[in-house]
Amino acid sequence: VLGDAPFYQALRRFEWYHPSRKLEHVHAASLAKPG
């Protein structure tokens, strides 16, 4: 049973749903090389 577009739009109204800083992003970015 999968969420549809209105379901995720409802979740996105909560600020905590997409925290701007996550350590997984920080670590993965360290693996990316210029170019």
PDB file of all heavy atoms in Angstrom:
ATOM      1  N   VAL A   1       0.877  -1.171   0.000  1.00  0.00           N
ATOM      2  CA  VAL A   1       0.000   0.000   0.000  1.00  0.00           C
ATOM      3  C   VAL A   1       0.911   1.216   0.000  1.00  0.00           C
ATOM      4  O   VAL A   1       1.618   1.472   0.977  1.00  0.00           O
ATOM      5  CB  VAL A   1      -0.930   0.018   1.225  1.00  0.00           C
ATOM      6  CG1 VAL A   1      -1.765   1.295   1.232  1.00  0.00           C
ATOM      7  CG2 VAL A   1      -1.838  -1.206   1.236  1.00  0.00           C
ATOM      8  N   LEU A   2       0.922   1.940  -1.101  1.00  0.00           N
ATOM      9  CA  LEU A   2       1.858   3.041  -1.304  1.00  0.00           C
ATOM     10  C   LEU A   2       1.190   4.393  -1.115  1.00  0.00           C
ATOM     11  O   LEU A   2       0.023   4.580  -1.498  1.00  0.00           O
ATOM     12  CB  LEU A   2       2.454   2.971  -2.712  1.00  0.00           C
ATOM     13  CG  LEU A   2       3.140   1.657  -3.096  1.00  0.00           C
ATOM     14  CD1 LEU A   2       3.556   1.705  -4.562  1.00  0.00           C
ATOM     15  CD2 LEU A   2       4.345   1.389  -2.219  1.00  0.00           C
ATOM     16  N   GLY A   3       1.924   5.332  -0.552  1.00  0.00           N
ATOM     17  CA  GLY A   3       1.428   6.690  -0.431  1.00  0.00           C
ATOM     18  C   GLY A   3       1.307   7.363  -1.784  1.00  0.00           C
ATOM     19  O   GLY A   3       2.141   7.153  -2.663  1.00  0.00           O
ATOM     20  N   ASP A   4       0.270   8.162  -1.964  1.00  0.00           N
ATOM     21  CA  ASP A   4       0.095   8.898  -3.210  1.00  0.00           C
ATOM     22  C   ASP A   4       0.579  10.336  -3.032  1.00  0.00           C
ATOM     23  O   ASP A   4       1.078  10.717  -1.962  1.00  0.00           O
ATOM     24  CB  ASP A   4      -1.362   8.857  -3.674  1.00  0.00           C
ATOM     25  CG  ASP A   4      -2.344   9.381  -2.628  1.00  0.00           C
ATOM     26  OD1 ASP A   4      -1.888   9.939  -1.599  1.00  0.00           O
ATOM     27  OD2 ASP A   4      -3.566   9.246  -2.840  1.00  0.00           O
ATOM     28  N   ALA A   5       0.443  11.144  -4.083  1.00  0.00           N
ATOM     29  CA  ALA A   5       0.945  12.523  -4.035  1.00  0.00           C
ATOM     30  C   ALA A   5       0.311  13.336  -2.901  1.00  0.00           C
ATOM     31  O   ALA A   5       1.023  14.018  -2.158  1.00  0.00           O
ATOM     32  CB  ALA A   5       0.733  13.204  -5.390  1.00  0.00           C
ATOM     33  N   PRO A   6      -1.021  13.288  -2.706  1.00  0.00           N
ATOM     34  CA  PRO A   6      -1.597  14.051  -1.589  1.00  0.00           C
ATOM     35  C   PRO A   6      -1.070  13.598  -0.227  1.00  0.00           C
ATOM     36  O   PRO A   6      -0.907  14.423   0.685  1.00  0.00           O
ATOM     37  CB  PRO A   6      -3.103  13.779  -1.722  1.00  0.00           C
ATOM     38  CG  PRO A   6      -3.301  13.488  -3.175  1.00  0.00           C
ATOM     39  CD  PRO A   6      -2.069  12.728  -3.577  1.00  0.00           C
ATOM     40  N   PHE A   7      -0.793  12.311  -0.089  1.00  0.00           N
ATOM     41  CA  PHE A   7      -0.253  11.801   1.176  1.00  0.00           C
ATOM     42  C   PHE A   7       1.090  12.459   1.474  1.00  0.00           C
ATOM     43  O   PHE A   7       1.329  12.952   2.586  1.00  0.00           O
ATOM     44  CB  PHE A   7      -0.110  10.285   1.097  1.00  0.00           C
ATOM     45  CG  PHE A   7       0.636   9.669   2.250  1.00  0.00           C
ATOM     46  CD1 PHE A   7       0.020   9.491   3.481  1.00  0.00           C
ATOM     47  CD2 PHE A   7       1.956   9.257   2.103  1.00  0.00           C
ATOM     48  CE1 PHE A   7       0.708   8.923   4.546  1.00  0.00           C
ATOM     49  CE2 PHE A   7       2.649   8.701   3.155  1.00  0.00           C
ATOM     50  CZ  PHE A   7       2.021   8.528   4.390  1.00  0.00           C
ATOM     51  N   TYR A   8       1.995  12.477   0.486  1.00  0.00           N
ATOM     52  CA  TYR A   8       3.314  13.056   0.725  1.00  0.00           C
ATOM     53  C   TYR A   8       3.268  14.576   0.827  1.00  0.00           C
ATOM     54  O   TYR A   8       4.065  15.181   1.546  1.00  0.00           O
ATOM     55  CB  TYR A   8       4.294  12.581  -0.346  1.00  0.00           C
ATOM     56  CG  TYR A   8       4.753  11.167  -0.060  1.00  0.00           C
ATOM     57  CD1 TYR A   8       4.243  10.092  -0.773  1.00  0.00           C
ATOM     58  CD2 TYR A   8       5.659  10.915   0.963  1.00  0.00           C
ATOM     59  CE1 TYR A   8       4.630   8.803  -0.481  1.00  0.00           C
ATOM     60  CE2 TYR A   8       6.053   9.620   1.258  1.00  0.00           C
ATOM     61  CZ  TYR A   8       5.530   8.571   0.540  1.00  0.00           C
ATOM     62  OH  TYR A   8       5.911   7.289   0.861  1.00  0.00           O
ATOM     63  N   GLN A   9       2.332  15.188   0.142  1.00  0.00           N
ATOM     64  CA  GLN A   9       2.168  16.630   0.309  1.00  0.00           C
ATOM     65  C   GLN A   9       1.739  16.961   1.744  1.00  0.00           C
ATOM     66  O   GLN A   9       2.188  17.945   2.333  1.00  0.00           O
ATOM     67  CB  GLN A   9       1.141  17.159  -0.690  1.00  0.00           C
ATOM     68  CG  GLN A   9       1.655  17.184  -2.125  1.00  0.00           C
ATOM     69  CD  GLN A   9       0.568  17.425  -3.141  1.00  0.00           C
ATOM     70  OE1 GLN A   9      -0.591  17.666  -2.786  1.00  0.00           O
ATOM     71  NE2 GLN A   9       0.911  17.363  -4.420  1.00  0.00           N
ATOM     72  N   ALA A  10       0.888  16.108   2.311  1.00  0.00           N
ATOM     73  CA  ALA A  10       0.460  16.306   3.698  1.00  0.00           C
ATOM     74  C   ALA A  10       1.626  16.129   4.661  1.00  0.00           C
ATOM     75  O   ALA A  10       1.752  16.874   5.638  1.00  0.00           O
ATOM     76  CB  ALA A  10      -0.669  15.332   4.036  1.00  0.00           C
ATOM     77  N   LEU A  11       2.485  15.161   4.405  1.00  0.00           N
ATOM     78  CA  LEU A  11       3.641  14.947   5.271  1.00  0.00           C
ATOM     79  C   LEU A  11       4.637  16.095   5.164  1.00  0.00           C
ATOM     80  O   LEU A  11       5.261  16.479   6.158  1.00  0.00           O
ATOM     81  CB  LEU A  11       4.332  13.632   4.911  1.00  0.00           C
ATOM     82  CG  LEU A  11       3.810  12.358   5.576  1.00  0.00           C
ATOM     83  CD1 LEU A  11       4.614  11.148   5.110  1.00  0.00           C
ATOM     84  CD2 LEU A  11       3.857  12.463   7.097  1.00  0.00           C
ATOM     85  N   ARG A  12       4.799  16.643   3.983  1.00  0.00           N
ATOM     86  CA  ARG A  12       5.795  17.692   3.782  1.00  0.00           C
ATOM     87  C   ARG A  12       5.453  18.992   4.516  1.00  0.00           C
ATOM     88  O   ARG A  12       6.314  19.847   4.685  1.00  0.00           O
ATOM     89  CB  ARG A  12       5.976  17.970   2.279  1.00  0.00           C
ATOM     90  CG  ARG A  12       6.733  16.889   1.539  1.00  0.00           C
ATOM     91  CD  ARG A  12       6.987  17.289   0.102  1.00  0.00           C
ATOM     92  NE  ARG A  12       7.506  16.190  -0.683  1.00  0.00           N
ATOM     93  CZ  ARG A  12       8.775  15.813  -0.691  1.00  0.00           C
ATOM     94  NH1 ARG A  12       9.647  16.455   0.050  1.00  0.00           N
ATOM     95  NH2 ARG A  12       9.177  14.797  -1.434  1.00  0.00           N
ATOM     96  N   ARG A  13       4.238  19.101   4.969  1.00  0.00           N
ATOM     97  CA  ARG A  13       3.897  20.319   5.707  1.00  0.00           C
ATOM     98  C   ARG A  13       4.532  20.329   7.094  1.00  0.00           C
ATOM     99  O   ARG A  13       4.605  21.374   7.740  1.00  0.00           O
ATOM    100  CB  ARG A  13       2.379  20.472   5.812  1.00  0.00           C
ATOM    101  CG  ARG A  13       1.710  19.569   6.818  1.00  0.00           C
ATOM    102  CD  ARG A  13       0.227  19.901   6.955  1.00  0.00           C
ATOM    103  NE  ARG A  13      -0.414  19.159   8.041  1.00  0.00           N
ATOM    104  CZ  ARG A  13      -1.082  18.028   7.871  1.00  0.00           C
ATOM    105  NH1 ARG A  13      -1.203  17.510   6.645  1.00  0.00           N
ATOM    106  NH2 ARG A  13      -1.633  17.416   8.899  1.00  0.00           N
ATOM    107  N   PHE A  14       5.005  19.169   7.545  1.00  0.00           N
ATOM    108  CA  PHE A  14       5.721  19.090   8.809  1.00  0.00           C
ATOM    109  C   PHE A  14       7.208  19.378   8.552  1.00  0.00           C
ATOM    110  O   PHE A  14       7.843  18.692   7.732  1.00  0.00           O
ATOM    111  CB  PHE A  14       5.572  17.699   9.435  1.00  0.00           C
ATOM    112  CG  PHE A  14       4.155  17.339   9.792  1.00  0.00           C
ATOM    113  CD1 PHE A  14       3.421  16.472   8.999  1.00  0.00           C
ATOM    114  CD2 PHE A  14       3.555  17.883  10.921  1.00  0.00           C
ATOM    115  CE1 PHE A  14       2.120  16.134   9.317  1.00  0.00           C
ATOM    116  CE2 PHE A  14       2.254  17.557  11.259  1.00  0.00           C
ATOM    117  CZ  PHE A  14       1.527  16.682  10.458  1.00  0.00           C
ATOM    118  N   GLU A  15       7.752  20.362   9.228  1.00  0.00           N
ATOM    119  CA  GLU A  15       9.141  20.771   8.977  1.00  0.00           C
ATOM    120  C   GLU A  15      10.130  19.640   9.224  1.00  0.00           C
ATOM    121  O   GLU A  15      11.159  19.554   8.550  1.00  0.00           O
ATOM    122  CB  GLU A  15       9.490  21.980   9.848  1.00  0.00           C
ATOM    123  CG  GLU A  15       8.771  23.261   9.443  1.00  0.00           C
ATOM    124  CD  GLU A  15       9.231  24.451  10.264  1.00  0.00           C
ATOM    125  OE1 GLU A  15      10.187  24.284  11.058  1.00  0.00           O
ATOM    126  OE2 GLU A  15       8.652  25.536  10.119  1.00  0.00           O
ATOM    127  N   TRP A  16       9.838  18.774  10.184  1.00  0.00           N
ATOM    128  CA  TRP A  16      10.774  17.706  10.528  1.00  0.00           C
ATOM    129  C   TRP A  16      10.848  16.625   9.451  1.00  0.00           C
ATOM    130  O   TRP A  16      11.756  15.785   9.481  1.00  0.00           O
ATOM    131  CB  TRP A  16      10.396  17.068  11.865  1.00  0.00           C
ATOM    132  CG  TRP A  16       8.938  16.754  12.033  1.00  0.00           C
ATOM    133  CD1 TRP A  16       8.037  17.444  12.787  1.00  0.00           C
ATOM    134  CD2 TRP A  16       8.196  15.670  11.438  1.00  0.00           C
ATOM    135  NE1 TRP A  16       6.788  16.872  12.703  1.00  0.00           N
ATOM    136  CE2 TRP A  16       6.855  15.787  11.886  1.00  0.00           C
ATOM    137  CE3 TRP A  16       8.531  14.623  10.579  1.00  0.00           C
ATOM    138  CZ2 TRP A  16       5.857  14.881  11.502  1.00  0.00           C
ATOM    139  CZ3 TRP A  16       7.547  13.727  10.187  1.00  0.00           C
ATOM    140  CH2 TRP A  16       6.223  13.867  10.638  1.00  0.00           C
ATOM    141  N   TYR A  17       9.922  16.628   8.503  1.00  0.00           N
ATOM    142  CA  TYR A  17       9.900  15.522   7.536  1.00  0.00           C
ATOM    143  C   TYR A  17      11.137  15.523   6.646  1.00  0.00           C
ATOM    144  O   TYR A  17      11.631  14.468   6.248  1.00  0.00           O
ATOM    145  CB  TYR A  17       8.624  15.580   6.679  1.00  0.00           C
ATOM    146  CG  TYR A  17       8.506  14.385   5.753  1.00  0.00           C
ATOM    147  CD1 TYR A  17       8.316  13.122   6.281  1.00  0.00           C
ATOM    148  CD2 TYR A  17       8.612  14.517   4.377  1.00  0.00           C
ATOM    149  CE1 TYR A  17       8.217  12.008   5.459  1.00  0.00           C
ATOM    150  CE2 TYR A  17       8.514  13.423   3.545  1.00  0.00           C
ATOM    151  CZ  TYR A  17       8.328  12.163   4.087  1.00  0.00           C
ATOM    152  OH  TYR A  17       8.244  11.071   3.277  1.00  0.00           O
ATOM    153  N   HIS A  18      11.652  16.703   6.308  1.00  0.00           N
ATOM    154  CA  HIS A  18      12.876  16.797   5.513  1.00  0.00           C
ATOM    155  C   HIS A  18      13.882  17.676   6.254  1.00  0.00           C
ATOM    156  O   HIS A  18      14.032  18.854   5.952  1.00  0.00           O
ATOM    157  CB  HIS A  18      12.599  17.367   4.118  1.00  0.00           C
ATOM    158  CG  HIS A  18      12.295  16.328   3.092  1.00  0.00           C
ATOM    159  ND1 HIS A  18      13.213  15.376   2.712  1.00  0.00           N
ATOM    160  CD2 HIS A  18      11.177  16.068   2.381  1.00  0.00           C
ATOM    161  CE1 HIS A  18      12.667  14.574   1.802  1.00  0.00           C
ATOM    162  NE2 HIS A  18      11.434  14.971   1.587  1.00  0.00           N
ATOM    163  N   PRO A  19      14.571  17.122   7.250  1.00  0.00           N
ATOM    164  CA  PRO A  19      15.574  17.941   7.953  1.00  0.00           C
ATOM    165  C   PRO A  19      16.652  18.392   6.986  1.00  0.00           C
ATOM    166  O   PRO A  19      17.100  17.634   6.117  1.00  0.00           O
ATOM    167  CB  PRO A  19      16.142  16.978   9.013  1.00  0.00           C
ATOM    168  CG  PRO A  19      15.796  15.606   8.525  1.00  0.00           C
ATOM    169  CD  PRO A  19      14.526  15.741   7.753  1.00  0.00           C
ATOM    170  N   SER A  20      17.063  19.642   7.103  1.00  0.00           N
ATOM    171  CA  SER A  20      18.005  20.218   6.140  1.00  0.00           C
ATOM    172  C   SER A  20      19.419  19.662   6.303  1.00  0.00           C
ATOM    173  O   SER A  20      20.195  19.669   5.339  1.00  0.00           O
ATOM    174  CB  SER A  20      18.032  21.743   6.278  1.00  0.00           C
ATOM    175  OG  SER A  20      18.406  22.105   7.596  1.00  0.00           O
ATOM    176  N   ARG A  21      19.757  19.192   7.504  1.00  0.00           N
ATOM    177  CA  ARG A  21      21.096  18.644   7.726  1.00  0.00           C
ATOM    178  C   ARG A  21      20.995  17.196   8.171  1.00  0.00           C
ATOM    179  O   ARG A  21      20.363  16.892   9.185  1.00  0.00           O
ATOM    180  CB  ARG A  21      21.868  19.451   8.759  1.00  0.00           C
ATOM    181  CG  ARG A  21      23.254  18.863   9.060  1.00  0.00           C
ATOM    182  CD  ARG A  21      24.054  19.735  10.013  1.00  0.00           C
ATOM    183  NE  ARG A  21      25.295  19.102  10.421  1.00  0.00           N
ATOM    184  CZ  ARG A  21      26.408  19.068   9.680  1.00  0.00           C
ATOM    185  NH1 ARG A  21      26.420  19.648   8.497  1.00  0.00           N
ATOM    186  NH2 ARG A  21      27.498  18.470  10.121  1.00  0.00           N
ATOM    187  N   LYS A  22      21.632  16.308   7.396  1.00  0.00           N
ATOM    188  CA  LYS A  22      21.673  14.898   7.757  1.00  0.00           C
ATOM    189  C   LYS A  22      23.097  14.393   7.559  1.00  0.00           C
ATOM    190  O   LYS A  22      23.759  14.712   6.557  1.00  0.00           O
ATOM    191  CB  LYS A  22      20.691  14.091   6.906  1.00  0.00           C
ATOM    192  CG  LYS A  22      19.242  14.516   7.064  1.00  0.00           C
ATOM    193  CD  LYS A  22      18.288  13.572   6.349  1.00  0.00           C
ATOM    194  CE  LYS A  22      18.120  12.282   7.115  1.00  0.00           C
ATOM    195  NZ  LYS A  22      17.070  11.426   6.533  1.00  0.00           N
ATOM    196  N   LEU A  23      23.565  13.597   8.484  1.00  0.00           N
ATOM    197  CA  LEU A  23      24.938  13.119   8.430  1.00  0.00           C
ATOM    198  C   LEU A  23      25.182  12.197   7.236  1.00  0.00           C
ATOM    199  O   LEU A  23      26.310  12.119   6.735  1.00  0.00           O
ATOM    200  CB  LEU A  23      25.297  12.406   9.738  1.00  0.00           C
ATOM    201  CG  LEU A  23      25.350  13.310  10.974  1.00  0.00           C
ATOM    202  CD1 LEU A  23      25.677  12.489  12.216  1.00  0.00           C
ATOM    203  CD2 LEU A  23      26.384  14.417  10.781  1.00  0.00           C
ATOM    204  N   GLU A  24      24.162  11.505   6.755  1.00  0.00           N
ATOM    205  CA  GLU A  24      24.349  10.672   5.576  1.00  0.00           C
ATOM    206  C   GLU A  24      24.690  11.540   4.362  1.00  0.00           C
ATOM    207  O   GLU A  24      25.484  11.141   3.501  1.00  0.00           O
ATOM    208  CB  GLU A  24      23.121   9.802   5.309  1.00  0.00           C
ATOM    209  CG  GLU A  24      21.841  10.562   5.042  1.00  0.00           C
ATOM    210  CD  GLU A  24      20.661   9.634   4.794  1.00  0.00           C
ATOM    211  OE1 GLU A  24      20.863   8.468   4.399  1.00  0.00           O
ATOM    212  OE2 GLU A  24      19.515  10.073   4.996  1.00  0.00           O
ATOM    213  N   HIS A  25      24.106  12.743   4.282  1.00  0.00           N
ATOM    214  CA  HIS A  25      24.437  13.666   3.200  1.00  0.00           C
ATOM    215  C   HIS A  25      25.883  14.149   3.324  1.00  0.00           C
ATOM    216  O   HIS A  25      26.619  14.214   2.320  1.00  0.00           O
ATOM    217  CB  HIS A  25      23.501  14.877   3.225  1.00  0.00           C
ATOM    218  CG  HIS A  25      22.097  14.557   2.824  1.00  0.00           C
ATOM    219  ND1 HIS A  25      21.060  15.453   3.006  1.00  0.00           N
ATOM    220  CD2 HIS A  25      21.542  13.463   2.257  1.00  0.00           C
ATOM    221  CE1 HIS A  25      19.937  14.925   2.556  1.00  0.00           C
ATOM    222  NE2 HIS A  25      20.205  13.710   2.108  1.00  0.00           N
ATOM    223  N   VAL A  26      26.271  14.480   4.546  1.00  0.00           N
ATOM    224  CA  VAL A  26      27.635  14.961   4.769  1.00  0.00           C
ATOM    225  C   VAL A  26      28.652  13.906   4.353  1.00  0.00           C
ATOM    226  O   VAL A  26      29.627  14.199   3.647  1.00  0.00           O
ATOM    227  CB  VAL A  26      27.836  15.344   6.248  1.00  0.00           C
ATOM    228  CG1 VAL A  26      29.280  15.752   6.510  1.00  0.00           C
ATOM    229  CG2 VAL A  26      26.888  16.478   6.651  1.00  0.00           C
ATOM    230  N   HIS A  27      28.434  12.673   4.768  1.00  0.00           N
ATOM    231  CA  HIS A  27      29.383  11.602   4.442  1.00  0.00           C
ATOM    232  C   HIS A  27      29.412  11.323   2.942  1.00  0.00           C
ATOM    233  O   HIS A  27      30.493  11.203   2.349  1.00  0.00           O
ATOM    234  CB  HIS A  27      29.015  10.326   5.194  1.00  0.00           C
ATOM    235  CG  HIS A  27      29.904   9.171   4.864  1.00  0.00           C
ATOM    236  ND1 HIS A  27      31.196   9.061   5.335  1.00  0.00           N
ATOM    237  CD2 HIS A  27      29.697   8.073   4.079  1.00  0.00           C
ATOM    238  CE1 HIS A  27      31.744   7.957   4.878  1.00  0.00           C
ATOM    239  NE2 HIS A  27      30.859   7.341   4.110  1.00  0.00           N
ATOM    240  N   ALA A  28      28.242  11.219   2.324  1.00  0.00           N
ATOM    241  CA  ALA A  28      28.196  10.925   0.890  1.00  0.00           C
ATOM    242  C   ALA A  28      28.851  12.026   0.078  1.00  0.00           C
ATOM    243  O   ALA A  28      29.549  11.752  -0.915  1.00  0.00           O
ATOM    244  CB  ALA A  28      26.753  10.717   0.445  1.00  0.00           C
ATOM    245  N   ALA A  29      28.655  13.280   0.490  1.00  0.00           N
ATOM    246  CA  ALA A  29      29.267  14.396  -0.234  1.00  0.00           C
ATOM    247  C   ALA A  29      30.788  14.318  -0.186  1.00  0.00           C
ATOM    248  O   ALA A  29      31.468  14.748  -1.136  1.00  0.00           O
ATOM    249  CB  ALA A  29      28.785  15.722   0.346  1.00  0.00           C
ATOM    250  N   SER A  30      31.334  13.754   0.882  1.00  0.00           N
ATOM    251  CA  SER A  30      32.789  13.632   0.992  1.00  0.00           C
ATOM    252  C   SER A  30      33.363  12.651  -0.016  1.00  0.00           C
ATOM    253  O   SER A  30      34.571  12.649  -0.281  1.00  0.00           O
ATOM    254  CB  SER A  30      33.182  13.210   2.416  1.00  0.00           C
ATOM    255  OG  SER A  30      32.842  11.840   2.659  1.00  0.00           O
ATOM    256  N   LEU A  31      32.505  11.814  -0.598  1.00  0.00           N
ATOM    257  CA  LEU A  31      32.953  10.820  -1.579  1.00  0.00           C
ATOM    258  C   LEU A  31      32.914  11.359  -3.006  1.00  0.00           C
ATOM    259  O   LEU A  31      33.465  10.736  -3.914  1.00  0.00           O
ATOM    260  CB  LEU A  31      32.083   9.561  -1.486  1.00  0.00           C
ATOM    261  CG  LEU A  31      32.027   8.886  -0.114  1.00  0.00           C
ATOM    262  CD1 LEU A  31      31.057   7.708  -0.152  1.00  0.00           C
ATOM    263  CD2 LEU A  31      33.415   8.410   0.312  1.00  0.00           C
ATOM    264  N   ALA A  32      32.240  12.488  -3.199  1.00  0.00           N
ATOM    265  CA  ALA A  32      32.118  13.065  -4.541  1.00  0.00           C
ATOM    266  C   ALA A  32      33.350  13.900  -4.871  1.00  0.00           C
ATOM    267  O   ALA A  32      33.790  14.717  -4.074  1.00  0.00           O
ATOM    268  CB  ALA A  32      30.861  13.927  -4.625  1.00  0.00           C
ATOM    269  N   LYS A  33      33.884  13.698  -6.061  1.00  0.00           N
ATOM    270  CA  LYS A  33      35.074  14.418  -6.497  1.00  0.00           C
ATOM    271  C   LYS A  33      34.704  15.476  -7.543  1.00  0.00           C
ATOM    272  O   LYS A  33      33.743  15.293  -8.298  1.00  0.00           O
ATOM    273  CB  LYS A  33      36.092  13.434  -7.079  1.00  0.00           C
ATOM    274  CG  LYS A  33      36.544  12.372  -6.074  1.00  0.00           C
ATOM    275  CD  LYS A  33      37.462  11.353  -6.724  1.00  0.00           C
ATOM    276  CE  LYS A  33      37.870  10.272  -5.727  1.00  0.00           C
ATOM    277  NZ  LYS A  33      38.720   9.230  -6.355  1.00  0.00           N
ATOM    278  N   PRO A  34      35.450  16.573  -7.590  1.00  0.00           N
ATOM    279  CA  PRO A  34      35.156  17.632  -8.561  1.00  0.00           C
ATOM    280  C   PRO A  34      35.094  17.079  -9.985  1.00  0.00           C
ATOM    281  O   PRO A  34      35.913  16.253 -10.386  1.00  0.00           O
ATOM    282  CB  PRO A  34      36.329  18.598  -8.388  1.00  0.00           C
ATOM    283  CG  PRO A  34      36.778  18.397  -6.981  1.00  0.00           C
ATOM    284  CD  PRO A  34      36.594  16.922  -6.707  1.00  0.00           C
ATOM    285  N   GLY A  35      34.114  17.547 -10.733  1.00  0.00           N
ATOM    286  CA  GLY A  35      33.949  17.139 -12.119  1.00  0.00           C
ATOM    287  C   GLY A  35      33.109  15.891 -12.311  1.00  0.00           C
ATOM    288  O   GLY A  35      32.767  15.546 -13.449  1.00  0.00           O
TER     289      GLY A  35
END
